[in-house]
Amino acid sequence: MNIRIGHGYDVHKLEEGRHFFLGGIEIPHNKGCVAHSDGDVLIHAICDALLGAAALRDIGFHFPDTKSDYKNIDSKILLQKSMSMLTKKGYSVVNIDSTICLQKPKIQKHIPEMVKTIAGVLKTDPGNISVKATTTESLGFIGREDGVSAYAVVLIQKLA
């Protein structure tokens, strides 16, 4: 069995009057991410972790913000395409552990739906997906509510 680890990170600026997508769902908030796609930092971090684990470069390489094909794209599509690349190389997801860094809004009540959504796209058991949330105690750009970031670590396996 071939086991590999990948790490992903993403950050986006928050701006009033935009839709806020996180973990594949829309979260009610007065701000949303400034981005070429829908700006879902959690899914972007997971995509980078998956691609990195399989040595397939990064999300920007496969889905560049210079291509109109990806303008306002639903990040769940990017996640599905990333997973498809892994599947073609014979990999499957063992587990994903992720952390969202966000001052507001509080998202604890939305995490079960995020887990279910991500697991559905990846065709894995929701028990293989961990989503956590934290603040920065009002420090830095996240604490000022100017942005949001996410980290993800994945374990993938290839059965030989």
N, C-alpha and C. Protein backbone atom coordinates (compact mmCIF):
# COMPACT_ATOMS: atom_id res chain seq x y z
N MET A 1 0.84 -1.18 0.00
CA MET A 1 0.00 0.00 0.00
C MET A 1 0.89 1.24 0.00
N ASN A 2 0.58 2.21 -0.84
CA ASN A 2 1.30 3.47 -0.95
C ASN A 2 0.46 4.55 -0.27
N ILE A 3 0.99 5.14 0.81
CA ILE A 3 0.28 6.18 1.55
C ILE A 3 1.03 7.50 1.38
N ARG A 4 0.27 8.58 1.15
CA ARG A 4 0.88 9.90 0.94
C ARG A 4 0.08 10.95 1.69
N ILE A 5 0.78 12.00 2.13
CA ILE A 5 0.17 13.11 2.85
C ILE A 5 0.27 14.36 1.99
N GLY A 6 -0.77 15.19 2.05
CA GLY A 6 -0.74 16.48 1.36
C GLY A 6 -1.23 17.57 2.28
N HIS A 7 -0.72 18.78 2.07
CA HIS A 7 -1.12 19.94 2.86
C HIS A 7 -1.60 21.04 1.93
N GLY A 8 -2.67 21.72 2.30
CA GLY A 8 -3.18 22.83 1.49
C GLY A 8 -3.52 24.03 2.35
N TYR A 9 -3.44 25.20 1.74
CA TYR A 9 -3.75 26.47 2.42
C TYR A 9 -4.37 27.40 1.40
N ASP A 10 -5.35 28.19 1.83
CA ASP A 10 -5.90 29.22 0.97
C ASP A 10 -6.35 30.39 1.82
N VAL A 11 -6.38 31.55 1.23
CA VAL A 11 -6.83 32.78 1.89
C VAL A 11 -7.53 33.66 0.87
N HIS A 12 -8.58 34.33 1.31
CA HIS A 12 -9.27 35.29 0.45
C HIS A 12 -9.69 36.50 1.26
N LYS A 13 -9.71 37.62 0.58
CA LYS A 13 -10.20 38.86 1.16
C LYS A 13 -11.71 38.80 1.25
N LEU A 14 -12.27 39.37 2.31
CA LEU A 14 -13.72 39.48 2.47
C LEU A 14 -14.17 40.89 2.12
N GLU A 15 -15.33 40.96 1.47
CA GLU A 15 -15.87 42.25 1.05
C GLU A 15 -17.38 42.24 1.20
N GLU A 16 -17.93 43.35 1.63
CA GLU A 16 -19.38 43.44 1.81
C GLU A 16 -20.12 43.27 0.49
N GLY A 17 -21.33 42.70 0.59
CA GLY A 17 -22.21 42.56 -0.55
C GLY A 17 -21.95 41.37 -1.45
N ARG A 18 -21.08 40.45 -1.02
CA ARG A 18 -20.79 39.26 -1.82
C ARG A 18 -21.36 38.02 -1.14
N HIS A 19 -21.62 36.99 -1.92
CA HIS A 19 -22.04 35.70 -1.36
C HIS A 19 -20.85 35.04 -0.69
N PHE A 20 -21.12 34.31 0.41
CA PHE A 20 -20.05 33.68 1.17
C PHE A 20 -20.21 32.16 1.11
N PHE A 21 -19.30 31.51 0.37
CA PHE A 21 -19.31 30.06 0.23
C PHE A 21 -18.16 29.48 1.04
N LEU A 22 -18.47 28.43 1.78
CA LEU A 22 -17.49 27.78 2.63
C LEU A 22 -17.86 26.31 2.78
N GLY A 23 -16.92 25.44 2.45
CA GLY A 23 -17.20 24.01 2.56
C GLY A 23 -18.30 23.52 1.64
N GLY A 24 -18.46 24.21 0.53
CA GLY A 24 -19.45 23.78 -0.46
C GLY A 24 -20.86 24.27 -0.22
N ILE A 25 -21.06 25.10 0.80
CA ILE A 25 -22.39 25.63 1.08
C ILE A 25 -22.31 27.15 1.19
N GLU A 26 -23.46 27.79 1.04
CA GLU A 26 -23.51 29.24 1.22
C GLU A 26 -23.84 29.55 2.67
N ILE A 27 -23.04 30.41 3.27
CA ILE A 27 -23.21 30.81 4.66
C ILE A 27 -23.80 32.22 4.68
N PRO A 28 -24.90 32.43 5.41
CA PRO A 28 -25.45 33.79 5.50
C PRO A 28 -24.46 34.74 6.19
N HIS A 29 -24.11 35.81 5.51
CA HIS A 29 -23.18 36.80 6.07
C HIS A 29 -23.24 38.04 5.20
N ASN A 30 -22.89 39.18 5.77
CA ASN A 30 -22.91 40.43 5.00
C ASN A 30 -21.67 40.58 4.12
N LYS A 31 -20.69 39.68 4.30
CA LYS A 31 -19.47 39.72 3.49
C LYS A 31 -19.27 38.39 2.78
N GLY A 32 -18.51 38.43 1.69
CA GLY A 32 -18.14 37.22 0.97
C GLY A 32 -16.74 37.39 0.40
N CYS A 33 -16.23 36.35 -0.20
CA CYS A 33 -14.85 36.35 -0.69
C CYS A 33 -14.70 37.03 -2.04
N VAL A 34 -13.62 37.78 -2.16
CA VAL A 34 -13.21 38.35 -3.44
C VAL A 34 -12.35 37.28 -4.11
N ALA A 35 -12.82 36.79 -5.26
CA ALA A 35 -12.12 35.67 -5.90
C ALA A 35 -12.57 35.55 -7.35
N HIS A 36 -11.77 34.82 -8.14
CA HIS A 36 -12.12 34.53 -9.53
C HIS A 36 -13.24 33.48 -9.56
N SER A 37 -13.15 32.49 -8.67
CA SER A 37 -14.19 31.45 -8.56
C SER A 37 -15.19 31.91 -7.51
N ASP A 38 -15.87 30.98 -6.85
CA ASP A 38 -16.78 31.36 -5.77
C ASP A 38 -16.04 31.68 -4.47
N GLY A 39 -14.71 31.47 -4.44
CA GLY A 39 -13.90 31.86 -3.31
C GLY A 39 -13.98 30.96 -2.09
N ASP A 40 -14.36 29.71 -2.27
CA ASP A 40 -14.50 28.79 -1.14
C ASP A 40 -13.12 28.35 -0.66
N VAL A 41 -12.59 29.05 0.36
CA VAL A 41 -11.23 28.78 0.82
C VAL A 41 -11.05 27.37 1.35
N LEU A 42 -12.07 26.81 1.98
CA LEU A 42 -11.93 25.46 2.52
C LEU A 42 -11.76 24.44 1.40
N ILE A 43 -12.62 24.51 0.41
CA ILE A 43 -12.50 23.56 -0.70
C ILE A 43 -11.19 23.79 -1.47
N HIS A 44 -10.77 25.03 -1.61
CA HIS A 44 -9.51 25.30 -2.31
C HIS A 44 -8.34 24.69 -1.55
N ALA A 45 -8.33 24.81 -0.23
CA ALA A 45 -7.26 24.21 0.57
C ALA A 45 -7.27 22.69 0.44
N ILE A 46 -8.46 22.10 0.43
CA ILE A 46 -8.57 20.64 0.28
C ILE A 46 -8.08 20.22 -1.11
N CYS A 47 -8.45 20.97 -2.14
CA CYS A 47 -7.96 20.66 -3.50
C CYS A 47 -6.43 20.68 -3.53
N ASP A 48 -5.84 21.71 -2.97
CA ASP A 48 -4.38 21.81 -2.97
C ASP A 48 -3.75 20.65 -2.21
N ALA A 49 -4.35 20.27 -1.08
CA ALA A 49 -3.82 19.15 -0.30
C ALA A 49 -3.91 17.84 -1.08
N LEU A 50 -5.04 17.60 -1.73
CA LEU A 50 -5.20 16.38 -2.52
C LEU A 50 -4.22 16.34 -3.68
N LEU A 51 -4.16 17.44 -4.42
CA LEU A 51 -3.25 17.49 -5.58
C LEU A 51 -1.80 17.34 -5.14
N GLY A 52 -1.44 18.00 -4.06
CA GLY A 52 -0.07 17.91 -3.55
C GLY A 52 0.29 16.51 -3.10
N ALA A 53 -0.64 15.84 -2.44
CA ALA A 53 -0.38 14.47 -1.96
C ALA A 53 -0.04 13.54 -3.11
N ALA A 54 -0.68 13.77 -4.26
CA ALA A 54 -0.44 12.91 -5.43
C ALA A 54 0.62 13.49 -6.36
N ALA A 55 1.33 14.53 -5.91
CA ALA A 55 2.37 15.19 -6.71
C ALA A 55 1.82 15.70 -8.05
N LEU A 56 0.63 16.29 -7.98
CA LEU A 56 -0.03 16.81 -9.18
C LEU A 56 -0.04 18.35 -9.23
N ARG A 57 0.92 18.96 -8.56
CA ARG A 57 1.06 20.43 -8.53
C ARG A 57 -0.04 21.04 -7.66
N ASP A 58 -0.62 22.17 -8.09
CA ASP A 58 -1.57 22.86 -7.22
C ASP A 58 -2.80 23.32 -7.98
N ILE A 59 -3.75 23.85 -7.24
CA ILE A 59 -5.04 24.26 -7.80
C ILE A 59 -4.87 25.35 -8.86
N GLY A 60 -3.94 26.28 -8.65
CA GLY A 60 -3.70 27.35 -9.61
C GLY A 60 -3.14 26.85 -10.93
N PHE A 61 -2.39 25.77 -10.89
CA PHE A 61 -1.85 25.17 -12.10
C PHE A 61 -2.97 24.56 -12.95
N HIS A 62 -3.88 23.84 -12.30
CA HIS A 62 -4.95 23.14 -13.02
C HIS A 62 -6.13 24.03 -13.35
N PHE A 63 -6.42 25.00 -12.48
CA PHE A 63 -7.60 25.86 -12.64
C PHE A 63 -7.20 27.33 -12.50
N PRO A 64 -6.41 27.86 -13.44
CA PRO A 64 -5.87 29.21 -13.29
C PRO A 64 -6.94 30.30 -13.33
N ASP A 65 -6.69 31.35 -12.56
CA ASP A 65 -7.63 32.46 -12.52
C ASP A 65 -7.53 33.36 -13.75
N THR A 66 -6.71 32.96 -14.69
CA THR A 66 -6.60 33.68 -15.96
C THR A 66 -7.52 33.09 -17.03
N LYS A 67 -8.19 31.98 -16.72
CA LYS A 67 -9.07 31.34 -17.69
C LYS A 67 -10.53 31.64 -17.35
N SER A 68 -11.25 32.10 -18.34
CA SER A 68 -12.65 32.45 -18.13
C SER A 68 -13.51 31.23 -17.78
N ASP A 69 -13.03 30.02 -18.12
CA ASP A 69 -13.77 28.79 -17.79
C ASP A 69 -14.04 28.69 -16.29
N TYR A 70 -13.19 29.29 -15.48
CA TYR A 70 -13.29 29.15 -14.03
C TYR A 70 -13.86 30.38 -13.35
N LYS A 71 -14.28 31.37 -14.12
CA LYS A 71 -14.87 32.57 -13.55
C LYS A 71 -16.17 32.21 -12.85
N ASN A 72 -16.26 32.53 -11.57
CA ASN A 72 -17.44 32.28 -10.73
C ASN A 72 -17.80 30.79 -10.61
N ILE A 73 -16.88 29.89 -10.90
CA ILE A 73 -17.18 28.46 -10.85
C ILE A 73 -17.45 28.01 -9.42
N ASP A 74 -18.36 27.08 -9.28
CA ASP A 74 -18.64 26.44 -8.00
C ASP A 74 -17.42 25.59 -7.63
N SER A 75 -16.84 25.86 -6.48
CA SER A 75 -15.62 25.16 -6.08
C SER A 75 -15.83 23.65 -5.90
N LYS A 76 -17.06 23.22 -5.71
CA LYS A 76 -17.31 21.77 -5.63
C LYS A 76 -16.94 21.09 -6.95
N ILE A 77 -17.07 21.81 -8.05
CA ILE A 77 -16.66 21.27 -9.35
C ILE A 77 -15.14 21.12 -9.39
N LEU A 78 -14.42 22.08 -8.85
CA LEU A 78 -12.95 21.99 -8.79
C LEU A 78 -12.53 20.82 -7.91
N LEU A 79 -13.25 20.61 -6.80
CA LEU A 79 -12.95 19.49 -5.91
C LEU A 79 -13.19 18.16 -6.61
N GLN A 80 -14.29 18.06 -7.34
CA GLN A 80 -14.60 16.83 -8.08
C GLN A 80 -13.54 16.56 -9.14
N LYS A 81 -13.12 17.61 -9.86
CA LYS A 81 -12.09 17.45 -10.89
C LYS A 81 -10.75 17.06 -10.26
N SER A 82 -10.42 17.65 -9.12
CA SER A 82 -9.18 17.29 -8.42
C SER A 82 -9.21 15.83 -8.00
N MET A 83 -10.34 15.40 -7.44
CA MET A 83 -10.46 14.00 -7.01
C MET A 83 -10.40 13.06 -8.20
N SER A 84 -10.95 13.46 -9.31
CA SER A 84 -10.90 12.65 -10.52
C SER A 84 -9.46 12.42 -10.96
N MET A 85 -8.62 13.44 -10.84
CA MET A 85 -7.19 13.29 -11.19
C MET A 85 -6.52 12.27 -10.28
N LEU A 86 -6.87 12.29 -9.00
CA LEU A 86 -6.30 11.33 -8.06
C LEU A 86 -6.77 9.91 -8.37
N THR A 87 -8.05 9.79 -8.65
CA THR A 87 -8.63 8.48 -8.96
C THR A 87 -7.94 7.86 -10.18
N LYS A 88 -7.64 8.69 -11.18
CA LYS A 88 -6.95 8.20 -12.38
C LYS A 88 -5.56 7.66 -12.05
N LYS A 89 -4.96 8.18 -10.99
CA LYS A 89 -3.65 7.68 -10.57
C LYS A 89 -3.77 6.53 -9.56
N GLY A 90 -5.02 6.11 -9.27
CA GLY A 90 -5.24 4.97 -8.39
C GLY A 90 -5.33 5.30 -6.91
N TYR A 91 -5.49 6.57 -6.56
CA TYR A 91 -5.55 6.97 -5.16
C TYR A 91 -6.98 7.13 -4.67
N SER A 92 -7.16 6.90 -3.38
CA SER A 92 -8.42 7.19 -2.71
C SER A 92 -8.12 7.95 -1.42
N VAL A 93 -9.13 8.64 -0.91
CA VAL A 93 -8.97 9.42 0.31
C VAL A 93 -9.08 8.51 1.52
N VAL A 94 -8.11 8.62 2.42
CA VAL A 94 -8.20 7.95 3.72
C VAL A 94 -8.91 8.88 4.68
N ASN A 95 -8.38 10.10 4.83
CA ASN A 95 -9.06 11.10 5.65
C ASN A 95 -8.57 12.50 5.31
N ILE A 96 -9.36 13.48 5.73
CA ILE A 96 -9.04 14.90 5.56
C ILE A 96 -9.26 15.57 6.91
N ASP A 97 -8.31 16.38 7.32
CA ASP A 97 -8.44 17.19 8.52
C ASP A 97 -8.24 18.64 8.10
N SER A 98 -9.19 19.51 8.42
CA SER A 98 -9.12 20.89 7.97
C SER A 98 -9.50 21.86 9.07
N THR A 99 -8.99 23.09 8.93
CA THR A 99 -9.29 24.16 9.88
C THR A 99 -9.60 25.43 9.11
N ILE A 100 -10.70 26.06 9.47
CA ILE A 100 -11.09 27.36 8.90
C ILE A 100 -10.75 28.42 9.94
N CYS A 101 -10.09 29.48 9.50
CA CYS A 101 -9.76 30.61 10.38
C CYS A 101 -10.64 31.79 9.96
N LEU A 102 -11.55 32.16 10.86
CA LEU A 102 -12.56 33.17 10.53
C LEU A 102 -13.04 33.82 11.82
N GLN A 103 -13.07 35.14 11.86
CA GLN A 103 -13.55 35.83 13.05
C GLN A 103 -15.07 35.78 13.13
N LYS A 104 -15.73 36.17 12.05
CA LYS A 104 -17.19 36.15 11.97
C LYS A 104 -17.59 35.78 10.56
N PRO A 105 -18.69 35.10 10.36
CA PRO A 105 -19.67 34.66 11.35
C PRO A 105 -19.22 33.39 12.05
N LYS A 106 -19.88 33.06 13.13
CA LYS A 106 -19.64 31.78 13.79
C LYS A 106 -20.23 30.69 12.89
N ILE A 107 -19.47 29.63 12.66
CA ILE A 107 -19.90 28.63 11.67
C ILE A 107 -20.11 27.23 12.23
N GLN A 108 -19.97 27.05 13.54
CA GLN A 108 -20.09 25.71 14.12
C GLN A 108 -21.34 24.97 13.64
N LYS A 109 -22.49 25.66 13.60
CA LYS A 109 -23.73 25.00 13.23
C LYS A 109 -23.76 24.56 11.76
N HIS A 110 -22.86 25.12 10.93
CA HIS A 110 -22.82 24.78 9.50
C HIS A 110 -21.85 23.63 9.19
N ILE A 111 -21.00 23.29 10.15
CA ILE A 111 -19.97 22.28 9.89
C ILE A 111 -20.53 20.92 9.49
N PRO A 112 -21.57 20.39 10.14
CA PRO A 112 -22.09 19.09 9.68
C PRO A 112 -22.52 19.09 8.21
N GLU A 113 -23.11 20.18 7.75
CA GLU A 113 -23.52 20.25 6.34
C GLU A 113 -22.29 20.34 5.42
N MET A 114 -21.25 21.06 5.85
CA MET A 114 -20.02 21.13 5.07
C MET A 114 -19.41 19.74 4.93
N VAL A 115 -19.33 19.02 6.05
CA VAL A 115 -18.75 17.67 6.05
C VAL A 115 -19.53 16.77 5.09
N LYS A 116 -20.84 16.81 5.19
CA LYS A 116 -21.69 15.98 4.33
C LYS A 116 -21.49 16.35 2.85
N THR A 117 -21.39 17.63 2.56
CA THR A 117 -21.22 18.10 1.18
C THR A 117 -19.87 17.66 0.61
N ILE A 118 -18.82 17.88 1.37
CA ILE A 118 -17.47 17.51 0.91
C ILE A 118 -17.38 16.00 0.72
N ALA A 119 -17.89 15.24 1.69
CA ALA A 119 -17.86 13.78 1.59
C ALA A 119 -18.64 13.31 0.35
N GLY A 120 -19.75 13.95 0.07
CA GLY A 120 -20.54 13.59 -1.11
C GLY A 120 -19.79 13.81 -2.40
N VAL A 121 -19.11 14.94 -2.51
CA VAL A 121 -18.33 15.23 -3.73
C VAL A 121 -17.20 14.23 -3.88
N LEU A 122 -16.55 13.89 -2.77
CA LEU A 122 -15.40 12.97 -2.82
C LEU A 122 -15.80 11.50 -2.80
N LYS A 123 -17.08 11.24 -2.63
CA LYS A 123 -17.60 9.87 -2.58
C LYS A 123 -16.88 9.06 -1.48
N THR A 124 -16.83 9.66 -0.29
CA THR A 124 -16.23 9.01 0.87
C THR A 124 -17.18 9.14 2.05
N ASP A 125 -16.93 8.38 3.07
CA ASP A 125 -17.74 8.43 4.28
C ASP A 125 -17.53 9.77 5.00
N PRO A 126 -18.59 10.41 5.49
CA PRO A 126 -18.42 11.66 6.23
C PRO A 126 -17.48 11.52 7.44
N GLY A 127 -17.35 10.33 7.97
CA GLY A 127 -16.43 10.09 9.08
C GLY A 127 -14.97 10.26 8.69
N ASN A 128 -14.70 10.36 7.38
CA ASN A 128 -13.33 10.58 6.90
C ASN A 128 -12.99 12.06 6.76
N ILE A 129 -13.96 12.93 7.03
CA ILE A 129 -13.79 14.37 6.84
C ILE A 129 -13.92 15.09 8.18
N SER A 130 -12.90 15.86 8.53
CA SER A 130 -12.92 16.68 9.73
C SER A 130 -12.83 18.14 9.33
N VAL A 131 -13.78 18.94 9.82
CA VAL A 131 -13.76 20.38 9.60
C VAL A 131 -13.83 21.04 10.97
N LYS A 132 -12.84 21.88 11.25
CA LYS A 132 -12.80 22.61 12.51
C LYS A 132 -12.79 24.10 12.19
N ALA A 133 -13.12 24.91 13.19
CA ALA A 133 -13.11 26.35 13.01
C ALA A 133 -12.45 27.02 14.20
N THR A 134 -11.77 28.12 13.91
CA THR A 134 -11.14 28.90 14.97
C THR A 134 -11.16 30.37 14.57
N THR A 135 -10.95 31.24 15.55
CA THR A 135 -10.78 32.66 15.28
C THR A 135 -9.30 33.00 15.48
N THR A 136 -8.96 34.24 15.26
CA THR A 136 -7.60 34.69 15.57
C THR A 136 -7.63 35.65 16.76
N GLU A 137 -8.67 35.53 17.58
CA GLU A 137 -8.81 36.37 18.78
C GLU A 137 -8.71 37.85 18.43
N SER A 138 -9.34 38.21 17.31
CA SER A 138 -9.40 39.60 16.82
C SER A 138 -8.05 40.16 16.37
N LEU A 139 -7.09 39.31 16.12
CA LEU A 139 -5.77 39.74 15.66
C LEU A 139 -5.63 39.60 14.15
N GLY A 140 -4.88 40.50 13.53
CA GLY A 140 -4.54 40.40 12.12
C GLY A 140 -5.71 40.62 11.18
N PHE A 141 -5.48 40.34 9.88
CA PHE A 141 -6.51 40.58 8.87
C PHE A 141 -7.75 39.73 9.10
N ILE A 142 -7.57 38.53 9.62
CA ILE A 142 -8.74 37.70 9.92
C ILE A 142 -9.51 38.28 11.10
N GLY A 143 -8.79 38.67 12.13
CA GLY A 143 -9.42 39.27 13.30
C GLY A 143 -10.16 40.56 13.01
N ARG A 144 -9.67 41.33 12.04
CA ARG A 144 -10.34 42.56 11.62
C ARG A 144 -11.51 42.28 10.68
N GLU A 145 -11.72 41.01 10.35
CA GLU A 145 -12.78 40.57 9.43
C GLU A 145 -12.52 41.05 8.00
N ASP A 146 -11.24 41.17 7.66
CA ASP A 146 -10.86 41.53 6.30
C ASP A 146 -10.66 40.30 5.43
N GLY A 147 -10.54 39.12 6.03
CA GLY A 147 -10.27 37.92 5.26
C GLY A 147 -10.59 36.65 6.01
N VAL A 148 -10.45 35.54 5.30
CA VAL A 148 -10.69 34.20 5.82
C VAL A 148 -9.60 33.29 5.25
N SER A 149 -9.18 32.31 6.03
CA SER A 149 -8.20 31.34 5.53
C SER A 149 -8.61 29.94 5.94
N ALA A 150 -8.00 28.97 5.28
CA ALA A 150 -8.27 27.57 5.62
C ALA A 150 -7.02 26.74 5.37
N TYR A 151 -6.86 25.72 6.19
CA TYR A 151 -5.76 24.76 6.09
C TYR A 151 -6.38 23.38 5.95
N ALA A 152 -5.72 22.51 5.20
CA ALA A 152 -6.18 21.13 5.07
C ALA A 152 -4.99 20.18 4.98
N VAL A 153 -5.13 19.07 5.63
CA VAL A 153 -4.16 17.98 5.54
C VAL A 153 -4.94 16.75 5.10
N VAL A 154 -4.40 16.04 4.11
CA VAL A 154 -5.07 14.83 3.61
C VAL A 154 -4.12 13.64 3.66
N LEU A 155 -4.72 12.49 3.82
CA LEU A 155 -4.01 11.24 3.70
C LEU A 155 -4.70 10.47 2.58
N ILE A 156 -3.91 10.07 1.60
CA ILE A 156 -4.45 9.29 0.49
C ILE A 156 -3.70 7.96 0.43
N GLN A 157 -4.34 6.99 -0.21
CA GLN A 157 -3.68 5.69 -0.34
C GLN A 157 -3.89 5.16 -1.75
N LYS A 158 -2.91 4.36 -2.15
CA LYS A 158 -2.96 3.68 -3.44
C LYS A 158 -2.78 2.20 -3.15
N LEU A 159 -3.75 1.42 -3.51
CA LEU A 159 -3.65 -0.02 -3.30
C LEU A 159 -2.96 -0.63 -4.50
N ALA A 160 -1.87 -1.31 -4.25
CA ALA A 160 -1.10 -1.90 -5.35
C ALA A 160 -1.50 -3.33 -5.62
